[in-house]
């Protein structure tokens, strides 16, 4: 499929210490160094309405295509971070889509 791909990852870090959260954020920021990542941004939940799902942090990455996204997911850097974050996360939601 032609076109750029967005990879959105949301976590609930509400039960973690600020030190662990900072470490996990830094770890995700370091994934910008994976060559396939074209763009990276992140932020914390700041919804004026009730947010019943409880996610606290969102990370968004952009890739050239699904193939680049797959190479990123299989990279040593991503696999290492994934192992670490899965030890601490309460819940996670991942959503990938082709940018229209």
Protein backbone atom coordinates (compact mmCIF):
# COMPACT_ATOMS: atom_id res chain seq x y z
CA UNK A 1 0.00 0.00 0.00
CA UNK A 2 1.46 3.36 -0.97
CA UNK A 3 1.62 6.22 1.48
CA UNK A 4 2.93 7.15 4.87
CA UNK A 5 1.85 5.28 8.00
CA UNK A 6 1.10 6.56 11.49
CA UNK A 7 1.81 4.36 14.50
CA UNK A 8 0.00 5.53 17.64
CA UNK A 9 0.77 3.98 21.02
CA UNK A 10 -1.10 4.95 24.20
CA UNK A 11 -0.18 3.82 27.70
CA UNK A 12 -1.68 4.08 31.15
CA UNK A 13 1.26 4.97 33.39
CA UNK A 14 -0.92 6.27 36.24
CA UNK A 15 0.31 3.72 38.77
CA UNK A 16 4.04 4.37 38.19
CA UNK A 17 6.52 6.62 39.97
CA UNK A 18 7.65 9.75 38.15
CA UNK A 19 11.16 8.27 37.95
CA UNK A 20 9.94 5.18 36.07
CA UNK A 21 7.69 7.29 33.83
CA UNK A 22 10.61 9.58 32.94
CA UNK A 23 12.75 6.55 32.13
CA UNK A 24 10.05 5.04 29.89
CA UNK A 25 9.53 8.35 28.09
CA UNK A 26 13.28 8.71 27.50
CA UNK A 27 13.40 5.14 26.21
CA UNK A 28 10.61 5.83 23.72
CA UNK A 29 12.24 9.10 22.64
CA UNK A 30 15.44 7.15 21.89
CA UNK A 31 13.49 5.12 19.32
CA UNK A 32 13.62 8.24 17.10
CA UNK A 33 17.12 7.02 16.24
CA UNK A 34 15.75 3.98 14.39
CA UNK A 35 16.30 4.95 10.72
CA UNK A 36 12.76 4.09 9.63
CA UNK A 37 11.20 6.73 11.93
CA UNK A 38 10.40 9.84 9.90
CA UNK A 39 8.66 11.79 12.66
CA UNK A 40 8.06 11.39 16.38
CA UNK A 41 5.94 13.22 18.92
CA UNK A 42 4.45 12.50 22.30
CA UNK A 43 2.31 14.06 24.99
CA UNK A 44 0.23 13.44 28.07
CA UNK A 45 -3.54 13.23 28.28
CA UNK A 46 -5.13 16.66 28.70
CA UNK A 47 -8.78 16.11 27.78
CA UNK A 48 -11.31 18.62 29.09
CA UNK A 49 -13.96 15.91 28.89
CA UNK A 50 -14.06 12.72 30.92
CA UNK A 51 -11.57 10.19 29.61
CA UNK A 52 -12.97 6.83 30.73
CA UNK A 53 -10.23 4.73 29.17
CA UNK A 54 -7.53 6.07 31.49
CA UNK A 55 -4.61 6.41 29.08
CA UNK A 56 -2.04 8.92 30.34
CA UNK A 57 0.64 9.06 27.60
CA UNK A 58 0.49 8.98 23.79
CA UNK A 59 3.37 8.48 21.34
CA UNK A 60 2.99 8.99 17.58
CA UNK A 61 5.50 7.87 14.97
CA UNK A 62 5.38 8.29 11.20
CA UNK A 63 6.87 5.86 8.68
CA UNK A 64 7.32 5.94 4.90
CA UNK A 65 5.07 2.85 4.51
CA UNK A 66 3.94 -0.33 6.26
CA UNK A 67 7.18 -2.08 5.32
CA UNK A 68 9.21 0.59 7.16
CA UNK A 69 6.88 0.27 10.16
CA UNK A 70 7.46 -3.48 10.20
CA UNK A 71 11.25 -3.05 10.05
CA UNK A 72 10.98 -0.64 13.00
CA UNK A 73 8.86 -3.12 15.00
CA UNK A 74 11.46 -5.83 14.34
CA UNK A 75 14.46 -3.63 15.16
CA UNK A 76 16.61 -4.52 18.16
CA UNK A 77 15.95 -1.09 19.68
CA UNK A 78 12.17 -1.51 19.55
CA UNK A 79 12.26 -5.07 20.86
CA UNK A 80 14.45 -4.00 23.80
CA UNK A 81 12.16 -1.07 24.66
CA UNK A 82 9.06 -3.22 24.29
CA UNK A 83 10.39 -5.71 26.88
CA UNK A 84 11.07 -2.89 29.34
CA UNK A 85 7.80 -1.00 28.92
CA UNK A 86 5.70 -4.16 29.13
CA UNK A 87 7.09 -4.76 32.65
CA UNK A 88 5.53 -1.48 33.80
CA UNK A 89 2.51 -0.65 31.69
CA UNK A 90 -0.98 -0.99 33.11
CA UNK A 91 -2.61 -1.05 29.68
CA UNK A 92 -1.62 -0.20 26.14
CA UNK A 93 -3.44 0.61 22.91
CA UNK A 94 -1.72 0.52 19.52
CA UNK A 95 -3.37 1.91 16.38
CA UNK A 96 -1.69 2.05 12.96
CA UNK A 97 -3.18 3.62 9.85
CA UNK A 98 -2.37 4.71 6.33
CA UNK A 99 -2.42 8.51 6.17
CA UNK A 100 -5.12 9.72 3.77
